Protein backbone atom coordinates (compact mmCIF):
# COMPACT_ATOMS: atom_id res chain seq x y z
CA MET A 1 78.79 103.39 99.05
CA GLU A 2 80.82 106.15 97.37
CA SER A 3 82.54 106.87 100.68
CA TYR A 4 83.60 103.23 101.02
CA MET A 5 84.87 103.17 97.45
CA LYS A 6 86.99 106.27 98.07
CA ARG A 7 88.34 104.91 101.36
CA THR A 8 89.13 101.51 99.86
CA GLY A 9 90.78 103.19 96.87
CA LYS A 10 92.95 105.22 99.23
CA VAL A 11 93.97 102.04 101.09
CA LEU A 12 94.84 100.27 97.84
CA LEU A 13 96.87 103.26 96.63
CA GLY A 14 98.73 103.24 99.93
CA LEU A 15 99.54 99.54 99.61
CA VAL A 16 100.90 99.93 96.08
CA ILE A 17 103.07 102.85 97.19
CA TYR A 18 104.15 100.88 100.27
CA ALA A 19 105.33 98.02 98.05
CA VAL A 20 107.39 100.46 95.96
CA GLY A 21 109.05 101.74 99.14
CA LEU A 22 109.88 98.22 100.30
CA LEU A 23 111.29 97.35 96.88
CA LEU A 24 113.62 100.36 97.01
CA GLY A 25 114.79 99.27 100.46
CA ILE A 26 115.59 95.78 99.20
CA GLN A 27 117.32 96.94 96.01
CA ALA A 28 119.37 99.52 97.95
CA ASN A 29 121.53 96.50 98.85
CA ILE A 30 123.15 97.98 101.96
CA GLY A 31 121.27 95.99 104.60
CA LEU A 32 117.66 95.05 105.10
CA ALA A 33 115.02 96.29 107.52
CA PRO A 34 114.03 93.66 110.15
CA TRP A 35 110.86 92.29 108.52
CA ASP A 36 112.46 92.42 105.06
CA ALA A 37 115.46 90.50 106.42
CA PHE A 38 113.13 87.88 107.86
CA SER A 39 111.22 87.45 104.58
CA ILE A 40 114.39 87.36 102.47
CA GLY A 41 116.01 84.89 104.89
CA VAL A 42 113.06 82.51 104.79
CA SER A 43 112.94 82.92 101.02
CA ASN A 44 116.62 81.98 100.81
CA ILE A 45 116.12 78.60 102.46
CA THR A 46 112.66 77.69 101.16
CA GLY A 47 112.71 79.01 97.61
CA ILE A 48 109.38 80.73 98.29
CA SER A 49 109.28 84.25 96.86
CA TYR A 50 109.73 87.27 99.13
CA GLY A 51 106.14 88.31 98.53
CA ASN A 52 104.67 84.91 99.36
CA VAL A 53 106.76 84.67 102.55
CA SER A 54 105.43 88.11 103.51
CA ILE A 55 101.85 87.01 102.83
CA ILE A 56 102.20 83.75 104.79
CA THR A 57 103.83 85.60 107.70
CA GLY A 58 101.03 88.18 107.66
CA ILE A 59 98.37 85.47 107.73
CA VAL A 60 100.03 83.73 110.70
CA ILE A 61 100.21 87.06 112.55
CA LEU A 62 96.61 87.80 111.60
CA VAL A 63 95.46 84.53 113.15
CA ALA A 64 97.47 85.34 116.29
CA VAL A 65 95.99 88.83 116.73
CA VAL A 66 92.46 87.54 116.13
CA ALA A 67 93.11 84.93 118.84
CA MET A 68 94.16 87.82 121.10
CA LYS A 69 90.80 89.46 120.29
CA GLU A 70 92.37 92.47 118.60
CA LYS A 71 90.24 94.46 116.13
CA ILE A 72 91.13 93.97 112.48
CA GLY A 73 89.65 95.71 109.47
CA ILE A 74 89.39 95.20 105.75
CA GLY A 75 92.56 97.29 105.43
CA THR A 76 94.37 94.76 107.65
CA VAL A 77 93.33 91.91 105.37
CA LEU A 78 94.26 93.82 102.20
CA ASN A 79 97.61 94.75 103.73
CA THR A 80 98.30 91.11 104.61
CA VAL A 81 97.67 89.83 101.10
CA LEU A 82 98.51 92.62 98.68
CA ILE A 83 101.81 94.22 99.74
CA GLY A 84 103.78 90.99 99.28
CA LEU A 85 102.01 90.36 95.98
CA PHE A 86 102.81 93.85 94.70
CA VAL A 87 106.48 93.54 95.71
CA ASP A 88 106.76 90.23 93.84
CA ILE A 89 105.21 91.81 90.73
CA PHE A 90 107.56 94.80 90.84
CA MET A 91 110.59 92.56 91.42
CA SER A 92 109.64 90.36 88.46
CA LEU A 93 109.50 93.44 86.23
CA ASN A 94 113.11 94.38 87.12
CA ILE A 95 112.17 98.05 87.12
CA VAL A 96 114.54 98.98 89.97
CA PRO A 97 118.21 97.99 89.61
CA LYS A 98 120.21 96.72 92.59
CA MET A 99 122.63 99.36 93.84
CA THR A 100 126.34 98.56 93.89
CA ASN A 101 127.77 101.40 96.00
CA MET A 102 127.07 102.78 99.45
CA PHE A 103 126.07 106.32 98.46
CA ALA A 104 123.53 105.29 95.83
CA GLY A 105 122.21 102.57 98.14
CA THR A 106 121.77 105.03 101.01
CA VAL A 107 119.90 107.51 98.80
CA MET A 108 117.65 104.73 97.52
CA LEU A 109 116.99 103.39 101.02
CA LEU A 110 116.07 106.82 102.42
CA THR A 111 113.83 107.46 99.40
CA GLY A 112 112.15 104.11 100.04
CA GLN A 113 111.60 104.97 103.69
CA PHE A 114 110.00 108.28 102.79
CA ILE A 115 107.72 106.49 100.31
CA VAL A 116 106.78 103.93 102.99
CA SER A 117 105.93 106.72 105.44
CA LEU A 118 103.75 108.41 102.81
CA ALA A 119 102.10 105.08 102.01
CA THR A 120 101.41 104.53 105.71
CA TYR A 121 99.42 107.76 105.75
CA PHE A 122 97.37 106.67 102.74
CA TYR A 123 96.50 103.22 104.04
CA ILE A 124 95.91 104.09 107.72
CA SER A 125 94.03 107.41 107.38
CA PRO A 126 90.80 105.86 105.96
CA GLY A 127 90.38 104.06 109.32
CA MET A 128 89.95 100.59 107.84
CA GLY A 129 92.57 98.81 109.94
CA CYS A 130 96.34 98.70 110.46
CA GLY A 131 98.67 96.11 108.98
CA PRO A 132 99.10 92.79 110.82
CA ARG A 133 102.58 93.61 112.17
CA ASP A 134 101.46 96.94 113.64
CA THR A 135 98.37 95.24 115.06
CA LEU A 136 100.57 92.60 116.71
CA MET A 137 102.62 95.33 118.37
CA VAL A 138 99.45 96.98 119.70
CA ALA A 139 98.04 93.65 120.92
CA LEU A 140 101.23 92.78 122.81
CA GLY A 141 101.37 96.32 124.19
CA LYS A 142 97.93 95.85 125.75
CA ARG A 143 98.99 92.57 127.35
CA PHE A 144 102.30 93.86 128.70
CA GLN A 145 101.26 97.31 129.83
CA ASN A 146 104.31 97.79 132.05
CA VAL A 147 106.60 97.39 129.04
CA PRO A 148 107.08 100.51 126.84
CA ILE A 149 105.62 100.10 123.36
CA GLY A 150 108.99 101.00 121.87
CA ALA A 151 110.58 98.10 123.76
CA ILE A 152 107.89 95.73 122.48
CA ARG A 153 108.47 96.87 118.91
CA GLY A 154 112.20 96.50 119.47
CA MET A 155 111.82 92.94 120.75
CA ILE A 156 109.62 91.95 117.82
CA GLU A 157 111.93 93.49 115.23
CA GLY A 158 115.04 92.24 117.02
CA THR A 159 113.68 88.71 116.92
CA VAL A 160 112.75 88.71 113.23
CA LEU A 161 116.01 90.47 112.31
CA THR A 162 118.05 87.81 114.13
CA ILE A 163 116.15 85.03 112.39
CA GLY A 164 116.64 86.70 109.01
CA PHE A 165 120.37 87.20 109.63
CA LEU A 166 120.81 83.55 110.67
CA LEU A 167 119.03 82.53 107.47
CA GLY A 168 121.44 84.50 105.30
CA ALA A 169 119.71 87.86 104.81
CA LYS A 170 121.99 90.86 104.33
CA VAL A 171 122.37 92.99 107.45
CA GLY A 172 124.43 96.18 107.30
CA ILE A 173 124.40 99.96 107.60
CA GLY A 174 121.05 100.00 105.85
CA THR A 175 119.58 97.94 108.67
CA ILE A 176 120.65 100.55 111.21
CA ILE A 177 119.23 103.33 109.03
CA ALA A 178 115.98 101.38 108.61
CA VAL A 179 115.60 100.75 112.35
CA PHE A 180 116.41 104.25 113.60
CA GLY A 181 115.70 106.42 110.56
CA MET A 182 112.18 105.23 109.84
CA SER A 183 110.68 106.59 113.05
CA PHE A 184 112.19 110.05 112.36
CA ILE A 185 111.03 110.07 108.73
CA ILE A 186 107.50 108.87 109.47
CA GLN A 187 107.11 111.34 112.35
CA ASN A 188 108.09 114.29 110.16
CA THR A 189 106.02 113.09 107.20
CA PHE A 190 102.92 112.87 109.41
CA LYS A 191 103.71 116.30 110.87
CA HIS A 192 103.85 117.93 107.43
CA LEU A 193 100.64 116.17 106.41
CA LYS A 194 99.02 117.27 109.70
CA PHE A 195 98.06 113.64 110.29
CA ASP A 196 97.53 112.37 113.85
CA VAL A 197 97.71 108.59 113.58
CA LYS A 198 96.57 108.19 117.21
CA ALA A 199 93.31 109.99 116.43
CA VAL A 200 92.26 107.51 113.73
CA VAL A 201 89.32 105.34 114.77
CA HIS A 202 89.50 102.06 112.89
CA GLU A 203 86.41 100.25 111.67
CA SER A 204 86.43 96.51 112.24
CA LEU A 205 85.92 94.02 109.43
CA PHE A 206 82.60 93.00 110.95
CA ASP A 207 81.41 96.62 111.11
CA THR A 208 82.32 97.06 107.44
CA VAL A 209 80.32 93.96 106.48
CA LYS A 210 77.32 95.22 108.49
CA ASN A 211 77.51 98.66 106.84
CA PHE A 212 77.69 97.10 103.37
CA LYS A 213 74.60 95.04 104.17
CA VAL A 214 72.75 98.21 105.16
CA ILE A 215 73.88 100.01 101.99
CA PHE A 216 72.82 97.18 99.67
CA ALA A 217 69.53 96.70 101.53
CA LYS A 218 68.43 100.25 100.64
């Protein structure tokens, strides 16, 4: 039981930190990352908050990956619901000002990306499931094995970025930095933490429920 509490706590810490990183990317105001652009774009035309759009999108993706028989864990569910909620809370507190010049915006964006990469370590390393968007990429990768995983990720992000742009989200130099810089930052962050993301064995939601039943039955 203590092990599950520690692992769940690490996931939750990662999700809070992740939300902070996303908030910095949004407030950098020099162009949004693909999924942020999509959420902001939908928010622009519907009036639904960024966080709620993110949650609804995550739920739709979650349903899709379950239909594709992909493994999801409790971390996947928490990721789907909580990151958007945390971002909304932080935005409502106005704790991070919107940048008004390129240099400050770039520094804030890069800081946000580093924070997201660190958060990714915290929420993935307990082995309780990836986020819905990463799970979708993996699921599609299994179904289109002749297509490089990078190309699949590119197609997914290209699609949501285009939709976000058409819906009025800000696309700029920050978008380019977000698309190409994140992979470099996350790779080096994982290297310094000596974290091999490919070696993580994720526990499914059903396995977690079974294990909890065993623990409480003792």
